[in-house]
Amino acid sequence: MYVIIVGASKIGVTLANLLISDKHNVVIVEKDEDKAKKLAEVIDALVVAGSGTEYDVLREAGADKADVIVAATSHDEVNLMVCELARMFNIRRMITLSVNPKHENIFKEIGVENIIYPSTTIAAHIRNLIVRPGISTVLAIMEDIEIIEVDIPKNSPLNGKVIKDIPLPENSSIAAIYRNGQLIIPRGSTIIKGGDKITALAKVQVIDKLTKVLRGHIY
């Protein structure tokens, strides 16, 4: 994919490196010329010095062929203008950071696909680490759906259980099992083994119940 990231923030640069490692074509637009110059020396991506709110700058960044644009500045008004310009280039997918949830409807009206609230996301992650000990990862993927990863201990009551016999709550499912470095796409007849890492997803309302089940608290 060809991805344009506007704003060399920590999130923007980290995202760029992740995409680069996945072999995607990445362009970073940064208005601070000194910052852009220094970044260009250390990252394997095209860095364009200029404001992402200017048509010519986005054109230089290759907006006419971009698959995705990410507005990653810390200012909602700038991110909004970036997305407005992206529409002029017919970029199919627009993703933005936002500091104010009150602006959500404005972003949605212009066709932004995903709106990320960094402070809320981080706070929610820390909360989940506190209230759901034993869960390796908790990630919100939609407004009411979360993904969790759970390590199954060798002595877990789930060891040897067939998935179809595990009382998973409604609106939840086991999506993947990692065993000895191998990915297993589970079926109802798949047997859980101690040492497995389970990836599951569920609606927010049943995440706590799902967590208790996967940690063996229902046996």
C-alpha atoms as a PDB file:
ATOM      1  CA  MET A   1       0.000   0.000   0.000  1.00  0.00           C
ATOM      2  CA  TYR A   2       0.974   3.615  -0.511  1.00  0.00           C
ATOM      3  CA  VAL A   3       0.446   5.454   2.772  1.00  0.00           C
ATOM      4  CA  ILE A   4       0.843   9.149   3.544  1.00  0.00           C
ATOM      5  CA  ILE A   5       1.315  10.147   7.171  1.00  0.00           C
ATOM      6  CA  VAL A   6       0.886  13.833   7.935  1.00  0.00           C
ATOM      7  CA  GLY A   7       2.721  14.851  11.077  1.00  0.00           C
ATOM      8  CA  ALA A   8       6.001  13.402  12.345  1.00  0.00           C
ATOM      9  CA  SER A   9       4.632  12.964  15.848  1.00  0.00           C
ATOM     10  CA  LYS A  10       5.796  10.019  17.976  1.00  0.00           C
ATOM     11  CA  ILE A  11       2.713   8.132  16.863  1.00  0.00           C
ATOM     12  CA  GLY A  12       3.253   9.114  13.237  1.00  0.00           C
ATOM     13  CA  VAL A  13       6.904   8.033  13.178  1.00  0.00           C
ATOM     14  CA  THR A  14       6.223   4.795  15.072  1.00  0.00           C
ATOM     15  CA  LEU A  15       3.421   3.962  12.644  1.00  0.00           C
ATOM     16  CA  ALA A  16       5.685   4.741   9.701  1.00  0.00           C
ATOM     17  CA  ASN A  17       8.377   2.364  10.960  1.00  0.00           C
ATOM     18  CA  LEU A  18       5.815  -0.406  11.475  1.00  0.00           C
ATOM     19  CA  LEU A  19       4.466   0.043   7.943  1.00  0.00           C
ATOM     20  CA  ILE A  20       7.969   0.190   6.491  1.00  0.00           C
ATOM     21  CA  SER A  21       8.846  -3.086   8.225  1.00  0.00           C
ATOM     22  CA  ASP A  22       5.780  -4.577   6.521  1.00  0.00           C
ATOM     23  CA  LYS A  23       7.161  -3.420   3.143  1.00  0.00           C
ATOM     24  CA  HIS A  24       4.586  -0.694   2.489  1.00  0.00           C
ATOM     25  CA  ASN A  25       5.443   2.528   0.683  1.00  0.00           C
ATOM     26  CA  VAL A  26       5.350   5.353   3.215  1.00  0.00           C
ATOM     27  CA  VAL A  27       5.592   9.110   2.841  1.00  0.00           C
ATOM     28  CA  ILE A  28       5.761  11.419   5.854  1.00  0.00           C
ATOM     29  CA  VAL A  29       4.725  15.051   5.598  1.00  0.00           C
ATOM     30  CA  GLU A  30       6.171  17.344   8.279  1.00  0.00           C
ATOM     31  CA  LYS A  31       5.879  21.142   8.312  1.00  0.00           C
ATOM     32  CA  ASP A  32       8.945  21.699  10.533  1.00  0.00           C
ATOM     33  CA  GLU A  33      11.807  21.736   8.004  1.00  0.00           C
ATOM     34  CA  ASP A  34      14.555  20.941  10.523  1.00  0.00           C
ATOM     35  CA  LYS A  35      12.547  18.055  11.950  1.00  0.00           C
ATOM     36  CA  ALA A  36      11.790  16.789   8.453  1.00  0.00           C
ATOM     37  CA  LYS A  37      15.451  16.967   7.450  1.00  0.00           C
ATOM     38  CA  LYS A  38      16.632  15.053  10.529  1.00  0.00           C
ATOM     39  CA  LEU A  39      13.921  12.429  10.099  1.00  0.00           C
ATOM     40  CA  ALA A  40      14.824  11.892   6.443  1.00  0.00           C
ATOM     41  CA  GLU A  41      18.344  10.920   7.550  1.00  0.00           C
ATOM     42  CA  VAL A  42      17.196   8.085   9.791  1.00  0.00           C
ATOM     43  CA  ILE A  43      14.052   6.624   8.229  1.00  0.00           C
ATOM     44  CA  ASP A  44      13.605   4.547   5.091  1.00  0.00           C
ATOM     45  CA  ALA A  45      10.784   6.656   3.708  1.00  0.00           C
ATOM     46  CA  LEU A  46      10.253   9.770   1.653  1.00  0.00           C
ATOM     47  CA  VAL A  47       9.924  12.799   3.935  1.00  0.00           C
ATOM     48  CA  VAL A  48       8.281  15.891   2.482  1.00  0.00           C
ATOM     49  CA  ALA A  49       8.870  19.189   4.267  1.00  0.00           C
ATOM     50  CA  GLY A  50       5.695  21.251   4.216  1.00  0.00           C
ATOM     51  CA  SER A  51       2.209  21.579   5.592  1.00  0.00           C
ATOM     52  CA  GLY A  52      -0.240  18.780   4.946  1.00  0.00           C
ATOM     53  CA  THR A  53      -2.945  21.433   4.710  1.00  0.00           C
ATOM     54  CA  GLU A  54      -1.510  22.628   1.374  1.00  0.00           C
ATOM     55  CA  TYR A  55      -2.651  21.048  -1.867  1.00  0.00           C
ATOM     56  CA  ASP A  56       0.760  21.244  -3.570  1.00  0.00           C
ATOM     57  CA  VAL A  57       2.498  19.601  -0.619  1.00  0.00           C
ATOM     58  CA  LEU A  58       0.131  16.635  -0.642  1.00  0.00           C
ATOM     59  CA  ARG A  59       0.525  16.369  -4.400  1.00  0.00           C
ATOM     60  CA  GLU A  60       4.313  16.266  -3.944  1.00  0.00           C
ATOM     61  CA  ALA A  61       3.779  13.510  -1.381  1.00  0.00           C
ATOM     62  CA  GLY A  62       1.943  11.480  -4.025  1.00  0.00           C
ATOM     63  CA  ALA A  63      -1.622  11.973  -2.817  1.00  0.00           C
ATOM     64  CA  ASP A  64      -2.940  11.211  -6.286  1.00  0.00           C
ATOM     65  CA  LYS A  65      -1.806   7.585  -5.897  1.00  0.00           C
ATOM     66  CA  ALA A  66      -2.171   7.096  -2.134  1.00  0.00           C
ATOM     67  CA  ASP A  67      -4.305   4.273  -0.771  1.00  0.00           C
ATOM     68  CA  VAL A  68      -4.471   5.677   2.751  1.00  0.00           C
ATOM     69  CA  ILE A  69      -3.777   8.975   4.470  1.00  0.00           C
ATOM     70  CA  VAL A  70      -3.230   9.288   8.213  1.00  0.00           C
ATOM     71  CA  ALA A  71      -3.607  12.718   9.802  1.00  0.00           C
ATOM     72  CA  ALA A  72      -1.313  12.340  12.808  1.00  0.00           C
ATOM     73  CA  THR A  73      -0.835  15.873  14.101  1.00  0.00           C
ATOM     74  CA  SER A  74      -1.881  16.960  17.585  1.00  0.00           C
ATOM     75  CA  HIS A  75      -4.329  19.556  16.268  1.00  0.00           C
ATOM     76  CA  ASP A  76      -7.848  18.550  15.233  1.00  0.00           C
ATOM     77  CA  GLU A  77      -8.273  21.569  12.982  1.00  0.00           C
ATOM     78  CA  VAL A  78      -5.136  20.629  11.033  1.00  0.00           C
ATOM     79  CA  ASN A  79      -6.173  16.980  10.776  1.00  0.00           C
ATOM     80  CA  LEU A  80      -9.595  18.066   9.541  1.00  0.00           C
ATOM     81  CA  MET A  81      -8.061  20.204   6.774  1.00  0.00           C
ATOM     82  CA  VAL A  82      -5.759  17.321   5.801  1.00  0.00           C
ATOM     83  CA  CYS A  83      -8.745  15.019   5.412  1.00  0.00           C
ATOM     84  CA  GLU A  84     -10.685  17.640   3.447  1.00  0.00           C
ATOM     85  CA  LEU A  85      -7.788  17.879   0.980  1.00  0.00           C
ATOM     86  CA  ALA A  86      -7.505  14.103   0.864  1.00  0.00           C
ATOM     87  CA  ARG A  87     -11.055  13.983  -0.477  1.00  0.00           C
ATOM     88  CA  MET A  88      -9.984  16.205  -3.371  1.00  0.00           C
ATOM     89  CA  PHE A  89      -7.377  13.607  -4.282  1.00  0.00           C
ATOM     90  CA  ASN A  90      -9.964  10.820  -3.960  1.00  0.00           C
ATOM     91  CA  ILE A  91      -7.911   8.992  -1.357  1.00  0.00           C
ATOM     92  CA  ARG A  92     -10.147   6.071  -0.455  1.00  0.00           C
ATOM     93  CA  ARG A  93      -9.245   5.676   3.202  1.00  0.00           C
ATOM     94  CA  MET A  94      -8.730   8.451   5.748  1.00  0.00           C
ATOM     95  CA  ILE A  95      -7.633   7.879   9.342  1.00  0.00           C
ATOM     96  CA  THR A  96      -7.095  10.633  11.880  1.00  0.00           C
ATOM     97  CA  LEU A  97      -5.959  11.277  15.412  1.00  0.00           C
ATOM     98  CA  SER A  98      -8.238  13.492  17.483  1.00  0.00           C
ATOM     99  CA  VAL A  99      -7.916  15.144  20.871  1.00  0.00           C
ATOM    100  CA  ASN A 100     -11.581  16.051  21.181  1.00  0.00           C
ATOM    101  CA  PRO A 101     -14.377  13.448  20.856  1.00  0.00           C
ATOM    102  CA  LYS A 102     -16.808  16.308  20.196  1.00  0.00           C
ATOM    103  CA  HIS A 103     -15.319  16.570  16.714  1.00  0.00           C
ATOM    104  CA  GLU A 104     -16.211  12.998  15.804  1.00  0.00           C
ATOM    105  CA  ASN A 105     -19.294  13.893  13.773  1.00  0.00           C
ATOM    106  CA  ILE A 106     -17.359  16.490  11.780  1.00  0.00           C
ATOM    107  CA  PHE A 107     -14.724  13.941  10.799  1.00  0.00           C
ATOM    108  CA  LYS A 108     -17.362  11.347   9.945  1.00  0.00           C
ATOM    109  CA  GLU A 109     -19.258  13.808   7.747  1.00  0.00           C
ATOM    110  CA  ILE A 110     -16.261  14.137   5.440  1.00  0.00           C
ATOM    111  CA  GLY A 111     -15.767  10.385   5.243  1.00  0.00           C
ATOM    112  CA  VAL A 112     -13.004   9.669   7.766  1.00  0.00           C
ATOM    113  CA  GLU A 113     -12.878   5.890   8.226  1.00  0.00           C
ATOM    114  CA  ASN A 114     -11.312   5.719  11.693  1.00  0.00           C
ATOM    115  CA  ILE A 115     -10.882   8.302  14.449  1.00  0.00           C
ATOM    116  CA  ILE A 116      -8.274   7.525  17.105  1.00  0.00           C
ATOM    117  CA  TYR A 117      -8.231   9.245  20.496  1.00  0.00           C
ATOM    118  CA  PRO A 118      -4.713   8.558  21.843  1.00  0.00           C
ATOM    119  CA  SER A 119      -5.244   9.704  25.431  1.00  0.00           C
ATOM    120  CA  THR A 120      -8.500   7.749  25.751  1.00  0.00           C
ATOM    121  CA  THR A 121      -6.983   4.653  24.166  1.00  0.00           C
ATOM    122  CA  ILE A 122      -3.963   4.686  26.486  1.00  0.00           C
ATOM    123  CA  ALA A 123      -6.106   5.298  29.551  1.00  0.00           C
ATOM    124  CA  ALA A 124      -8.448   2.460  28.589  1.00  0.00           C
ATOM    125  CA  HIS A 125      -5.494   0.125  28.082  1.00  0.00           C
ATOM    126  CA  ILE A 126      -4.069   0.941  31.520  1.00  0.00           C
ATOM    127  CA  ARG A 127      -7.509   0.428  33.073  1.00  0.00           C
ATOM    128  CA  ASN A 128      -7.760  -2.973  31.453  1.00  0.00           C
ATOM    129  CA  LEU A 129      -4.346  -3.956  32.776  1.00  0.00           C
ATOM    130  CA  ILE A 130      -5.525  -3.021  36.270  1.00  0.00           C
ATOM    131  CA  VAL A 131      -8.954  -4.639  36.278  1.00  0.00           C
ATOM    132  CA  ARG A 132      -8.130  -7.653  34.102  1.00  0.00           C
ATOM    133  CA  PRO A 133      -4.859  -9.111  35.423  1.00  0.00           C
ATOM    134  CA  GLY A 134      -3.527 -12.046  33.469  1.00  0.00           C
ATOM    135  CA  ILE A 135      -4.619 -10.634  30.119  1.00  0.00           C
ATOM    136  CA  SER A 136      -1.639 -10.087  27.856  1.00  0.00           C
ATOM    137  CA  THR A 137      -3.328  -7.664  25.493  1.00  0.00           C
ATOM    138  CA  VAL A 138      -6.594  -5.784  25.435  1.00  0.00           C
ATOM    139  CA  LEU A 139      -7.390  -3.891  22.260  1.00  0.00           C
ATOM    140  CA  ALA A 140     -10.528  -2.029  21.265  1.00  0.00           C
ATOM    141  CA  ILE A 141     -11.137  -2.657  17.570  1.00  0.00           C
ATOM    142  CA  MET A 142     -14.585  -1.081  17.325  1.00  0.00           C
ATOM    143  CA  GLU A 143     -16.773   0.987  19.573  1.00  0.00           C
ATOM    144  CA  ASP A 144     -18.237  -2.092  21.289  1.00  0.00           C
ATOM    145  CA  ILE A 145     -15.833  -4.915  20.405  1.00  0.00           C
ATOM    146  CA  GLU A 146     -12.509  -5.835  21.988  1.00  0.00           C
ATOM    147  CA  ILE A 147      -9.784  -8.394  21.329  1.00  0.00           C
ATOM    148  CA  ILE A 148      -7.955 -10.076  24.198  1.00  0.00           C
ATOM    149  CA  GLU A 149      -4.999 -12.443  24.392  1.00  0.00           C
ATOM    150  CA  VAL A 150      -4.744 -14.951  27.216  1.00  0.00           C
ATOM    151  CA  ASP A 151      -1.903 -17.329  28.060  1.00  0.00           C
ATOM    152  CA  ILE A 152      -3.251 -20.721  29.173  1.00  0.00           C
ATOM    153  CA  PRO A 153      -1.154 -22.113  32.054  1.00  0.00           C
ATOM    154  CA  LYS A 154      -0.055 -25.762  31.996  1.00  0.00           C
ATOM    155  CA  ASN A 155      -2.291 -26.480  34.991  1.00  0.00           C
ATOM    156  CA  SER A 156      -5.321 -24.595  33.649  1.00  0.00           C
ATOM    157  CA  PRO A 157      -8.734 -26.260  34.004  1.00  0.00           C
ATOM    158  CA  LEU A 158      -9.079 -25.611  30.247  1.00  0.00           C
ATOM    159  CA  ASN A 159      -6.161 -27.936  29.446  1.00  0.00           C
ATOM    160  CA  GLY A 160      -7.590 -30.763  27.356  1.00  0.00           C
ATOM    161  CA  LYS A 161     -10.998 -29.144  26.908  1.00  0.00           C
ATOM    162  CA  VAL A 162     -12.708 -29.104  23.515  1.00  0.00           C
ATOM    163  CA  ILE A 163     -13.745 -25.590  22.496  1.00  0.00           C
ATOM    164  CA  LYS A 164     -17.373 -26.553  21.909  1.00  0.00           C
ATOM    165  CA  ASP A 165     -17.550 -27.728  25.532  1.00  0.00           C
ATOM    166  CA  ILE A 166     -16.242 -24.447  26.940  1.00  0.00           C
ATOM    167  CA  PRO A 167     -19.126 -22.172  28.061  1.00  0.00           C
ATOM    168  CA  LEU A 168     -18.094 -19.063  26.151  1.00  0.00           C
ATOM    169  CA  PRO A 169     -20.518 -16.184  26.710  1.00  0.00           C
ATOM    170  CA  GLU A 170     -22.828 -15.130  23.901  1.00  0.00           C
ATOM    171  CA  ASN A 171     -21.287 -12.596  21.497  1.00  0.00           C
ATOM    172  CA  SER A 172     -17.782 -13.937  22.029  1.00  0.00           C
ATOM    173  CA  SER A 173     -15.513 -16.391  20.212  1.00  0.00           C
ATOM    174  CA  ILE A 174     -11.997 -17.789  20.132  1.00  0.00           C
ATOM    175  CA  ALA A 175     -10.422 -16.438  16.963  1.00  0.00           C
ATOM    176  CA  ALA A 176      -6.946 -17.980  17.019  1.00  0.00           C
ATOM    177  CA  ILE A 177      -4.617 -20.221  19.010  1.00  0.00           C
ATOM    178  CA  TYR A 178      -0.829 -19.915  18.986  1.00  0.00           C
ATOM    179  CA  ARG A 179       0.884 -23.160  19.973  1.00  0.00           C
ATOM    180  CA  ASN A 180       4.651 -23.723  19.812  1.00  0.00           C
ATOM    181  CA  GLY A 181       4.991 -20.819  17.410  1.00  0.00           C
ATOM    182  CA  GLN A 182       2.290 -22.126  15.080  1.00  0.00           C
ATOM    183  CA  LEU A 183      -1.045 -20.490  14.298  1.00  0.00           C
ATOM    184  CA  ILE A 184      -4.138 -22.660  14.666  1.00  0.00           C
ATOM    185  CA  ILE A 185      -7.496 -21.507  13.333  1.00  0.00           C
ATOM    186  CA  PRO A 186      -9.821 -23.168  15.848  1.00  0.00           C
ATOM    187  CA  ARG A 187     -12.963 -25.166  15.248  1.00  0.00           C
ATOM    188  CA  GLY A 188     -15.482 -26.451  17.752  1.00  0.00           C
ATOM    189  CA  SER A 189     -13.553 -29.731  17.942  1.00  0.00           C
ATOM    190  CA  THR A 190     -10.180 -28.069  18.630  1.00  0.00           C
ATOM    191  CA  ILE A 191      -8.631 -29.037  21.967  1.00  0.00           C
ATOM    192  CA  ILE A 192      -7.127 -26.345  24.206  1.00  0.00           C
ATOM    193  CA  LYS A 193      -3.727 -27.206  25.669  1.00  0.00           C
ATOM    194  CA  GLY A 194      -1.719 -25.706  28.487  1.00  0.00           C
ATOM    195  CA  GLY A 195       0.846 -23.284  27.071  1.00  0.00           C
ATOM    196  CA  ASP A 196      -1.487 -22.057  24.328  1.00  0.00           C
ATOM    197  CA  LYS A 197      -1.902 -18.351  23.688  1.00  0.00           C
ATOM    198  CA  ILE A 198      -5.529 -17.686  22.852  1.00  0.00           C
ATOM    199  CA  THR A 199      -6.800 -14.697  20.921  1.00  0.00           C
ATOM    200  CA  ALA A 200     -10.490 -14.057  21.497  1.00  0.00           C
ATOM    201  CA  LEU A 201     -12.931 -11.302  20.685  1.00  0.00           C
ATOM    202  CA  ALA A 202     -16.183 -10.246  22.256  1.00  0.00           C
ATOM    203  CA  LYS A 203     -18.571  -7.419  22.784  1.00  0.00           C
ATOM    204  CA  VAL A 204     -17.504  -5.108  25.590  1.00  0.00           C
ATOM    205  CA  GLN A 205     -20.429  -6.163  27.764  1.00  0.00           C
ATOM    206  CA  VAL A 206     -19.176  -9.753  28.034  1.00  0.00           C
ATOM    207  CA  ILE A 207     -15.402  -9.234  28.073  1.00  0.00           C
ATOM    208  CA  ASP A 208     -15.156  -9.679  31.847  1.00  0.00           C
ATOM    209  CA  LYS A 209     -17.157 -12.917  31.711  1.00  0.00           C
ATOM    210  CA  LEU A 210     -15.062 -14.175  28.792  1.00  0.00           C
ATOM    211  CA  THR A 211     -11.902 -13.365  30.738  1.00  0.00           C
ATOM    212  CA  LYS A 212     -13.077 -15.445  33.707  1.00  0.00           C
ATOM    213  CA  VAL A 213     -13.902 -18.374  31.433  1.00  0.00           C
ATOM    214  CA  LEU A 214     -10.528 -18.326  29.669  1.00  0.00           C
ATOM    215  CA  ARG A 215      -8.678 -18.066  32.965  1.00  0.00           C
ATOM    216  CA  GLY A 216     -10.501 -21.151  34.177  1.00  0.00           C
ATOM    217  CA  HIS A 217     -12.508 -19.436  36.894  1.00  0.00           C
ATOM    218  CA  ILE A 218     -15.743 -21.173  35.854  1.00  0.00           C
ATOM    219  CA  TYR A 219     -14.488 -24.657  36.786  1.00  0.00           C
END
